[in-house]
Amino acid sequence: MAWTFEFDLAAEKSLRKLDPQIAKRLLRFLYERVIALDDPRQLGAALQGPVLGKYWKYRVGDHRIICRFMDQRMVVLVLHIGQRREVYRSSS
């Protein structure tokens, strides 16, 4: 069974706000590079900290994709997509 992606509503909204070429590049990265792996943790890195350690980040140019792995269902849940300088700030 292969890994799949699910997008949180906030991630979908962020993706729609991006330039279409950038959005296409990010989606291509997810579907061609990450999903193709047996373990999507081979790319990217875990966020640092006791609370943030359960989240994972992928770097694509100046943009970051913040995810959480749902191992039982083999799903990568995309939580947030944005530019590096903004993606780590908590949204209100």
PDB file of N, CA and C in Angstrom:
ATOM      1  N   MET A   1       0.837  -1.186   0.000  1.00  0.00           N
ATOM      2  CA  MET A   1       0.000   0.000   0.000  1.00  0.00           C
ATOM      3  C   MET A   1       0.877   1.243   0.000  1.00  0.00           C
ATOM      4  N   ALA A   2       0.556   2.216  -0.802  1.00  0.00           N
ATOM      5  CA  ALA A   2       1.361   3.430  -0.948  1.00  0.00           C
ATOM      6  C   ALA A   2       0.808   4.567  -0.085  1.00  0.00           C
ATOM      7  N   TRP A   3       1.665   5.521   0.200  1.00  0.00           N
ATOM      8  CA  TRP A   3       1.263   6.711   0.939  1.00  0.00           C
ATOM      9  C   TRP A   3       0.408   7.603   0.059  1.00  0.00           C
ATOM     10  N   THR A   4      -0.489   8.353   0.684  1.00  0.00           N
ATOM     11  CA  THR A   4      -1.323   9.319  -0.016  1.00  0.00           C
ATOM     12  C   THR A   4      -1.270  10.651   0.733  1.00  0.00           C
ATOM     13  N   PHE A   5      -1.816  11.678   0.115  1.00  0.00           N
ATOM     14  CA  PHE A   5      -1.887  13.004   0.730  1.00  0.00           C
ATOM     15  C   PHE A   5      -3.320  13.374   1.013  1.00  0.00           C
ATOM     16  N   GLU A   6      -3.503  14.115   2.091  1.00  0.00           N
ATOM     17  CA  GLU A   6      -4.752  14.792   2.389  1.00  0.00           C
ATOM     18  C   GLU A   6      -4.372  16.221   2.755  1.00  0.00           C
ATOM     19  N   PHE A   7      -5.206  17.164   2.365  1.00  0.00           N
ATOM     20  CA  PHE A   7      -4.923  18.569   2.624  1.00  0.00           C
ATOM     21  C   PHE A   7      -5.911  19.120   3.628  1.00  0.00           C
ATOM     22  N   ASP A   8      -5.398  19.756   4.674  1.00  0.00           N
ATOM     23  CA  ASP A   8      -6.197  20.484   5.637  1.00  0.00           C
ATOM     24  C   ASP A   8      -6.799  21.692   4.917  1.00  0.00           C
ATOM     25  N   LEU A   9      -7.926  22.179   5.393  1.00  0.00           N
ATOM     26  CA  LEU A   9      -8.571  23.338   4.758  1.00  0.00           C
ATOM     27  C   LEU A   9      -7.647  24.549   4.692  1.00  0.00           C
ATOM     28  N   ALA A  10      -6.864  24.771   5.735  1.00  0.00           N
ATOM     29  CA  ALA A  10      -5.934  25.910   5.741  1.00  0.00           C
ATOM     30  C   ALA A  10      -4.864  25.733   4.666  1.00  0.00           C
ATOM     31  N   ALA A  11      -4.390  24.512   4.460  1.00  0.00           N
ATOM     32  CA  ALA A  11      -3.382  24.256   3.433  1.00  0.00           C
ATOM     33  C   ALA A  11      -3.963  24.461   2.042  1.00  0.00           C
ATOM     34  N   GLU A  12      -5.196  24.015   1.834  1.00  0.00           N
ATOM     35  CA  GLU A  12      -5.852  24.231   0.534  1.00  0.00           C
ATOM     36  C   GLU A  12      -6.008  25.729   0.254  1.00  0.00           C
ATOM     37  N   LYS A  13      -6.403  26.472   1.265  1.00  0.00           N
ATOM     38  CA  LYS A  13      -6.588  27.913   1.121  1.00  0.00           C
ATOM     39  C   LYS A  13      -5.253  28.595   0.806  1.00  0.00           C
ATOM     40  N   SER A  14      -4.203  28.200   1.503  1.00  0.00           N
ATOM     41  CA  SER A  14      -2.879  28.767   1.254  1.00  0.00           C
ATOM     42  C   SER A  14      -2.399  28.444  -0.151  1.00  0.00           C
ATOM     43  N   LEU A  15      -2.661  27.235  -0.600  1.00  0.00           N
ATOM     44  CA  LEU A  15      -2.241  26.811  -1.932  1.00  0.00           C
ATOM     45  C   LEU A  15      -2.954  27.605  -3.023  1.00  0.00           C
ATOM     46  N   ARG A  16      -4.238  27.861  -2.819  1.00  0.00           N
ATOM     47  CA  ARG A  16      -5.007  28.636  -3.805  1.00  0.00           C
ATOM     48  C   ARG A  16      -4.528  30.079  -3.906  1.00  0.00           C
ATOM     49  N   LYS A  17      -3.984  30.625  -2.821  1.00  0.00           N
ATOM     50  CA  LYS A  17      -3.519  32.011  -2.815  1.00  0.00           C
ATOM     51  C   LYS A  17      -2.172  32.185  -3.518  1.00  0.00           C
ATOM     52  N   LEU A  18      -1.445  31.100  -3.703  1.00  0.00           N
ATOM     53  CA  LEU A  18      -0.125  31.181  -4.320  1.00  0.00           C
ATOM     54  C   LEU A  18      -0.216  31.382  -5.825  1.00  0.00           C
ATOM     55  N   ASP A  19       0.865  31.887  -6.381  1.00  0.00           N
ATOM     56  CA  ASP A  19       0.992  31.982  -7.830  1.00  0.00           C
ATOM     57  C   ASP A  19       0.808  30.575  -8.419  1.00  0.00           C
ATOM     58  N   PRO A  20       0.068  30.427  -9.505  1.00  0.00           N
ATOM     59  CA  PRO A  20      -0.200  29.094 -10.069  1.00  0.00           C
ATOM     60  C   PRO A  20       1.056  28.286 -10.387  1.00  0.00           C
ATOM     61  N   GLN A  21       2.124  28.935 -10.841  1.00  0.00           N
ATOM     62  CA  GLN A  21       3.356  28.198 -11.133  1.00  0.00           C
ATOM     63  C   GLN A  21       3.994  27.652  -9.867  1.00  0.00           C
ATOM     64  N   ILE A  22       3.966  28.434  -8.794  1.00  0.00           N
ATOM     65  CA  ILE A  22       4.533  27.986  -7.521  1.00  0.00           C
ATOM     66  C   ILE A  22       3.689  26.855  -6.953  1.00  0.00           C
ATOM     67  N   ALA A  23       2.377  26.996  -7.002  1.00  0.00           N
ATOM     68  CA  ALA A  23       1.485  25.940  -6.508  1.00  0.00           C
ATOM     69  C   ALA A  23       1.725  24.641  -7.277  1.00  0.00           C
ATOM     70  N   LYS A  24       1.888  24.745  -8.570  1.00  0.00           N
ATOM     71  CA  LYS A  24       2.142  23.561  -9.393  1.00  0.00           C
ATOM     72  C   LYS A  24       3.471  22.917  -9.015  1.00  0.00           C
ATOM     73  N   ARG A  25       4.477  23.741  -8.759  1.00  0.00           N
ATOM     74  CA  ARG A  25       5.793  23.218  -8.353  1.00  0.00           C
ATOM     75  C   ARG A  25       5.703  22.481  -7.018  1.00  0.00           C
ATOM     76  N   LEU A  26       4.965  23.041  -6.069  1.00  0.00           N
ATOM     77  CA  LEU A  26       4.817  22.405  -4.756  1.00  0.00           C
ATOM     78  C   LEU A  26       4.067  21.081  -4.865  1.00  0.00           C
ATOM     79  N   LEU A  27       2.984  21.082  -5.634  1.00  0.00           N
ATOM     80  CA  LEU A  27       2.218  19.842  -5.817  1.00  0.00           C
ATOM     81  C   LEU A  27       3.036  18.786  -6.548  1.00  0.00           C
ATOM     82  N   ARG A  28       3.790  19.204  -7.550  1.00  0.00           N
ATOM     83  CA  ARG A  28       4.639  18.263  -8.274  1.00  0.00           C
ATOM     84  C   ARG A  28       5.667  17.649  -7.326  1.00  0.00           C
ATOM     85  N   PHE A  29       6.238  18.470  -6.440  1.00  0.00           N
ATOM     86  CA  PHE A  29       7.190  17.962  -5.456  1.00  0.00           C
ATOM     87  C   PHE A  29       6.538  16.893  -4.578  1.00  0.00           C
ATOM     88  N   LEU A  30       5.349  17.193  -4.078  1.00  0.00           N
ATOM     89  CA  LEU A  30       4.663  16.241  -3.204  1.00  0.00           C
ATOM     90  C   LEU A  30       4.351  14.928  -3.919  1.00  0.00           C
ATOM     91  N   TYR A  31       3.796  15.018  -5.102  1.00  0.00           N
ATOM     92  CA  TYR A  31       3.333  13.820  -5.791  1.00  0.00           C
ATOM     93  C   TYR A  31       4.439  13.053  -6.511  1.00  0.00           C
ATOM     94  N   GLU A  32       5.479  13.730  -6.965  1.00  0.00           N
ATOM     95  CA  GLU A  32       6.535  13.032  -7.693  1.00  0.00           C
ATOM     96  C   GLU A  32       7.704  12.623  -6.813  1.00  0.00           C
ATOM     97  N   ARG A  33       8.007  13.407  -5.788  1.00  0.00           N
ATOM     98  CA  ARG A  33       9.168  13.102  -4.960  1.00  0.00           C
ATOM     99  C   ARG A  33       8.794  12.428  -3.646  1.00  0.00           C
ATOM    100  N   VAL A  34       7.801  12.950  -2.958  1.00  0.00           N
ATOM    101  CA  VAL A  34       7.488  12.449  -1.616  1.00  0.00           C
ATOM    102  C   VAL A  34       6.682  11.149  -1.679  1.00  0.00           C
ATOM    103  N   ILE A  35       5.623  11.127  -2.440  1.00  0.00           N
ATOM    104  CA  ILE A  35       4.759   9.946  -2.517  1.00  0.00           C
ATOM    105  C   ILE A  35       5.482   8.759  -3.140  1.00  0.00           C
ATOM    106  N   ALA A  36       6.467   9.023  -3.963  1.00  0.00           N
ATOM    107  CA  ALA A  36       7.197   7.942  -4.622  1.00  0.00           C
ATOM    108  C   ALA A  36       8.063   7.142  -3.641  1.00  0.00           C
ATOM    109  N   LEU A  37       8.303   7.681  -2.458  1.00  0.00           N
ATOM    110  CA  LEU A  37       9.154   7.020  -1.474  1.00  0.00           C
ATOM    111  C   LEU A  37       8.370   6.006  -0.643  1.00  0.00           C
ATOM    112  N   ASP A  38       9.068   4.981  -0.188  1.00  0.00           N
ATOM    113  CA  ASP A  38       8.445   4.029   0.734  1.00  0.00           C
ATOM    114  C   ASP A  38       8.186   4.675   2.085  1.00  0.00           C
ATOM    115  N   ASP A  39       9.084   5.569   2.492  1.00  0.00           N
ATOM    116  CA  ASP A  39       8.926   6.309   3.741  1.00  0.00           C
ATOM    117  C   ASP A  39       9.107   7.788   3.443  1.00  0.00           C
ATOM    118  N   PRO A  40       8.034   8.589   3.481  1.00  0.00           N
ATOM    119  CA  PRO A  40       8.152  10.013   3.144  1.00  0.00           C
ATOM    120  C   PRO A  40       9.026  10.802   4.102  1.00  0.00           C
ATOM    121  N   ARG A  41       9.473  10.198   5.178  1.00  0.00           N
ATOM    122  CA  ARG A  41      10.365  10.882   6.114  1.00  0.00           C
ATOM    123  C   ARG A  41      11.798  10.957   5.593  1.00  0.00           C
ATOM    124  N   GLN A  42      12.077  10.273   4.478  1.00  0.00           N
ATOM    125  CA  GLN A  42      13.423  10.311   3.906  1.00  0.00           C
ATOM    126  C   GLN A  42      13.785  11.706   3.421  1.00  0.00           C
ATOM    127  N   LEU A  43      12.801  12.480   3.025  1.00  0.00           N
ATOM    128  CA  LEU A  43      13.009  13.872   2.631  1.00  0.00           C
ATOM    129  C   LEU A  43      12.507  14.754   3.768  1.00  0.00           C
ATOM    130  N   GLY A  44      12.997  15.953   3.828  1.00  0.00           N
ATOM    131  CA  GLY A  44      12.482  16.879   4.830  1.00  0.00           C
ATOM    132  C   GLY A  44      13.098  16.647   6.190  1.00  0.00           C
ATOM    133  N   ALA A  45      12.496  17.271   7.200  1.00  0.00           N
ATOM    134  CA  ALA A  45      13.003  17.176   8.561  1.00  0.00           C
ATOM    135  C   ALA A  45      11.873  17.420   9.544  1.00  0.00           C
ATOM    136  N   ALA A  46      12.035  16.844  10.715  1.00  0.00           N
ATOM    137  CA  ALA A  46      11.067  17.064  11.788  1.00  0.00           C
ATOM    138  C   ALA A  46      11.286  18.455  12.366  1.00  0.00           C
ATOM    139  N   LEU A  47      10.205  19.109  12.767  1.00  0.00           N
ATOM    140  CA  LEU A  47      10.334  20.391  13.450  1.00  0.00           C
ATOM    141  C   LEU A  47      10.902  20.134  14.842  1.00  0.00           C
ATOM    142  N   GLN A  48      11.596  21.102  15.383  1.00  0.00           N
ATOM    143  CA  GLN A  48      12.258  20.956  16.672  1.00  0.00           C
ATOM    144  C   GLN A  48      11.336  21.361  17.823  1.00  0.00           C
ATOM    145  N   GLY A  49      11.457  20.661  18.931  1.00  0.00           N
ATOM    146  CA  GLY A  49      10.698  20.994  20.123  1.00  0.00           C
ATOM    147  C   GLY A  49       9.792  19.863  20.547  1.00  0.00           C
ATOM    148  N   PRO A  50       9.416  19.847  21.828  1.00  0.00           N
ATOM    149  CA  PRO A  50       8.598  18.742  22.345  1.00  0.00           C
ATOM    150  C   PRO A  50       7.200  18.687  21.720  1.00  0.00           C
ATOM    151  N   VAL A  51       6.611  19.819  21.439  1.00  0.00           N
ATOM    152  CA  VAL A  51       5.274  19.844  20.849  1.00  0.00           C
ATOM    153  C   VAL A  51       5.365  19.767  19.325  1.00  0.00           C
ATOM    154  N   LEU A  52       6.314  20.474  18.752  1.00  0.00           N
ATOM    155  CA  LEU A  52       6.436  20.558  17.299  1.00  0.00           C
ATOM    156  C   LEU A  52       7.075  19.323  16.680  1.00  0.00           C
ATOM    157  N   GLY A  53       7.687  18.453  17.482  1.00  0.00           N
ATOM    158  CA  GLY A  53       8.383  17.285  16.962  1.00  0.00           C
ATOM    159  C   GLY A  53       7.506  16.316  16.189  1.00  0.00           C
ATOM    160  N   LYS A  54       6.197  16.403  16.356  1.00  0.00           N
ATOM    161  CA  LYS A  54       5.307  15.498  15.634  1.00  0.00           C
ATOM    162  C   LYS A  54       4.983  16.014  14.230  1.00  0.00           C
ATOM    163  N   TYR A  55       5.473  17.222  13.905  1.00  0.00           N
ATOM    164  CA  TYR A  55       5.237  17.819  12.592  1.00  0.00           C
ATOM    165  C   TYR A  55       6.504  17.726  11.748  1.00  0.00           C
ATOM    166  N   TRP A  56       6.322  17.689  10.456  1.00  0.00           N
ATOM    167  CA  TRP A  56       7.415  17.513   9.516  1.00  0.00           C
ATOM    168  C   TRP A  56       7.385  18.652   8.512  1.00  0.00           C
ATOM    169  N   LYS A  57       8.546  19.045   8.008  1.00  0.00           N
ATOM    170  CA  LYS A  57       8.601  20.115   7.014  1.00  0.00           C
ATOM    171  C   LYS A  57       9.342  19.638   5.775  1.00  0.00           C
ATOM    172  N   TYR A  58       8.866  20.110   4.646  1.00  0.00           N
ATOM    173  CA  TYR A  58       9.549  19.908   3.377  1.00  0.00           C
ATOM    174  C   TYR A  58       9.916  21.273   2.833  1.00  0.00           C
ATOM    175  N   ARG A  59      11.098  21.378   2.292  1.00  0.00           N
ATOM    176  CA  ARG A  59      11.597  22.645   1.755  1.00  0.00           C
ATOM    177  C   ARG A  59      11.576  22.575   0.234  1.00  0.00           C
ATOM    178  N   VAL A  60      10.890  23.528  -0.378  1.00  0.00           N
ATOM    179  CA  VAL A  60      10.838  23.635  -1.833  1.00  0.00           C
ATOM    180  C   VAL A  60      11.127  25.093  -2.160  1.00  0.00           C
ATOM    181  N   GLY A  61      12.381  25.393  -2.480  1.00  0.00           N
ATOM    182  CA  GLY A  61      12.780  26.776  -2.722  1.00  0.00           C
ATOM    183  C   GLY A  61      12.567  27.612  -1.472  1.00  0.00           C
ATOM    184  N   ASP A  62      11.872  28.731  -1.604  1.00  0.00           N
ATOM    185  CA  ASP A  62      11.587  29.611  -0.462  1.00  0.00           C
ATOM    186  C   ASP A  62      10.308  29.219   0.266  1.00  0.00           C
ATOM    187  N   HIS A  63       9.679  28.149  -0.144  1.00  0.00           N
ATOM    188  CA  HIS A  63       8.413  27.726   0.452  1.00  0.00           C
ATOM    189  C   HIS A  63       8.604  26.495   1.321  1.00  0.00           C
ATOM    190  N   ARG A  64       7.726  26.358   2.299  1.00  0.00           N
ATOM    191  CA  ARG A  64       7.745  25.208   3.191  1.00  0.00           C
ATOM    192  C   ARG A  64       6.378  24.545   3.188  1.00  0.00           C
ATOM    193  N   ILE A  65       6.384  23.238   3.329  1.00  0.00           N
ATOM    194  CA  ILE A  65       5.165  22.442   3.430  1.00  0.00           C
ATOM    195  C   ILE A  65       5.226  21.773   4.795  1.00  0.00           C
ATOM    196  N   ILE A  66       4.285  22.091   5.661  1.00  0.00           N
ATOM    197  CA  ILE A  66       4.237  21.527   7.003  1.00  0.00           C
ATOM    198  C   ILE A  66       3.220  20.379   7.004  1.00  0.00           C
ATOM    199  N   CYS A  67       3.661  19.206   7.480  1.00  0.00           N
ATOM    200  CA  CYS A  67       2.829  17.998   7.418  1.00  0.00           C
ATOM    201  C   CYS A  67       2.822  17.267   8.751  1.00  0.00           C
ATOM    202  N   ARG A  68       1.917  16.339   8.830  1.00  0.00           N
ATOM    203  CA  ARG A  68       1.864  15.401   9.945  1.00  0.00           C
ATOM    204  C   ARG A  68       1.591  14.024   9.346  1.00  0.00           C
ATOM    205  N   PHE A  69       2.286  13.029   9.831  1.00  0.00           N
ATOM    206  CA  PHE A  69       2.128  11.677   9.303  1.00  0.00           C
ATOM    207  C   PHE A  69       1.077  10.910  10.094  1.00  0.00           C
ATOM    208  N   MET A  70       0.210  10.241   9.382  1.00  0.00           N
ATOM    209  CA  MET A  70      -0.795   9.380   9.988  1.00  0.00           C
ATOM    210  C   MET A  70      -0.424   7.957   9.552  1.00  0.00           C
ATOM    211  N   ASP A  71       0.481   7.354  10.315  1.00  0.00           N
ATOM    212  CA  ASP A  71       1.081   6.082   9.935  1.00  0.00           C
ATOM    213  C   ASP A  71       0.072   4.952   9.760  1.00  0.00           C
ATOM    214  N   GLN A  72      -0.948   4.895  10.597  1.00  0.00           N
ATOM    215  CA  GLN A  72      -1.917   3.805  10.519  1.00  0.00           C
ATOM    216  C   GLN A  72      -2.642   3.791   9.178  1.00  0.00           C
ATOM    217  N   ARG A  73      -2.900   4.977   8.619  1.00  0.00           N
ATOM    218  CA  ARG A  73      -3.625   5.094   7.346  1.00  0.00           C
ATOM    219  C   ARG A  73      -2.695   5.340   6.172  1.00  0.00           C
ATOM    220  N   MET A  74      -1.387   5.488   6.441  1.00  0.00           N
ATOM    221  CA  MET A  74      -0.380   5.813   5.425  1.00  0.00           C
ATOM    222  C   MET A  74      -0.773   7.088   4.678  1.00  0.00           C
ATOM    223  N   VAL A  75      -1.065   8.134   5.462  1.00  0.00           N
ATOM    224  CA  VAL A  75      -1.482   9.422   4.918  1.00  0.00           C
ATOM    225  C   VAL A  75      -0.527  10.494   5.420  1.00  0.00           C
ATOM    226  N   VAL A  76      -0.129  11.373   4.505  1.00  0.00           N
ATOM    227  CA  VAL A  76       0.608  12.572   4.867  1.00  0.00           C
ATOM    228  C   VAL A  76      -0.416  13.695   4.858  1.00  0.00           C
ATOM    229  N   LEU A  77      -0.709  14.235   6.034  1.00  0.00           N
ATOM    230  CA  LEU A  77      -1.679  15.312   6.161  1.00  0.00           C
ATOM    231  C   LEU A  77      -0.948  16.639   6.033  1.00  0.00           C
ATOM    232  N   VAL A  78      -1.214  17.367   4.954  1.00  0.00           N
ATOM    233  CA  VAL A  78      -0.583  18.667   4.713  1.00  0.00           C
ATOM    234  C   VAL A  78      -1.376  19.698   5.508  1.00  0.00           C
ATOM    235  N   LEU A  79      -0.700  20.348   6.452  1.00  0.00           N
ATOM    236  CA  LEU A  79      -1.361  21.289   7.351  1.00  0.00           C
ATOM    237  C   LEU A  79      -1.211  22.740   6.920  1.00  0.00           C
ATOM    238  N   HIS A  80      -0.042  23.090   6.385  1.00  0.00           N
ATOM    239  CA  HIS A  80       0.195  24.488   6.026  1.00  0.00           C
ATOM    240  C   HIS A  80       1.217  24.567   4.904  1.00  0.00           C
ATOM    241  N   ILE A  81       1.037  25.515   4.022  1.00  0.00           N
ATOM    242  CA  ILE A  81       1.961  25.775   2.924  1.00  0.00           C
ATOM    243  C   ILE A  81       2.192  27.269   2.881  1.00  0.00           C
ATOM    244  N   GLY A  82       3.443  27.680   2.802  1.00  0.00           N
ATOM    245  CA  GLY A  82       3.712  29.107   2.729  1.00  0.00           C
ATOM    246  C   GLY A  82       5.173  29.418   2.568  1.00  0.00           C
ATOM    247  N   GLN A  83       5.469  30.720   2.472  1.00  0.00           N
ATOM    248  CA  GLN A  83       6.848  31.154   2.366  1.00  0.00           C
ATOM    249  C   GLN A  83       7.561  30.931   3.680  1.00  0.00           C
ATOM    250  N   ARG A  84       8.846  30.699   3.583  1.00  0.00           N
ATOM    251  CA  ARG A  84       9.669  30.378   4.746  1.00  0.00           C
ATOM    252  C   ARG A  84       9.517  31.398   5.864  1.00  0.00           C
ATOM    253  N   ARG A  85       9.490  32.680   5.527  1.00  0.00           N
ATOM    254  CA  ARG A  85       9.453  33.706   6.578  1.00  0.00           C
ATOM    255  C   ARG A  85       8.110  33.775   7.297  1.00  0.00           C
ATOM    256  N   GLU A  86       7.063  33.191   6.724  1.00  0.00           N
ATOM    257  CA  GLU A  86       5.727  33.288   7.310  1.00  0.00           C
ATOM    258  C   GLU A  86       5.171  31.963   7.824  1.00  0.00           C
ATOM    259  N   VAL A  87       5.642  30.862   7.324  1.00  0.00           N
ATOM    260  CA  VAL A  87       4.993  29.580   7.576  1.00  0.00           C
ATOM    261  C   VAL A  87       5.117  29.124   9.043  1.00  0.00           C
ATOM    262  N   TYR A  88       6.154  29.545   9.724  1.00  0.00           N
ATOM    263  CA  TYR A  88       6.357  29.087  11.101  1.00  0.00           C
ATOM    264  C   TYR A  88       5.620  29.933  12.128  1.00  0.00           C
ATOM    265  N   ARG A  89       5.075  31.058  11.715  1.00  0.00           N
ATOM    266  CA  ARG A  89       4.311  31.908  12.633  1.00  0.00           C
ATOM    267  C   ARG A  89       2.943  31.284  12.834  1.00  0.00           C
ATOM    268  N   SER A  90       2.460  31.337  14.060  1.00  0.00           N
ATOM    269  CA  SER A  90       1.122  30.791  14.311  1.00  0.00           C
ATOM    270  C   SER A  90       0.080  31.756  13.764  1.00  0.00           C
ATOM    271  N   SER A  91      -0.945  31.201  13.121  1.00  0.00           N
ATOM    272  CA  SER A  91      -1.994  32.050  12.576  1.00  0.00           C
ATOM    273  C   SER A  91      -3.113  32.196  13.584  1.00  0.00           C
ATOM    274  N   SER A  92      -3.708  33.371  13.628  1.00  0.00           N
ATOM    275  CA  SER A  92      -4.786  33.639  14.594  1.00  0.00           C
ATOM    276  C   SER A  92      -6.125  33.433  13.952  1.00  0.00           C
TER     277      SER A  92
END
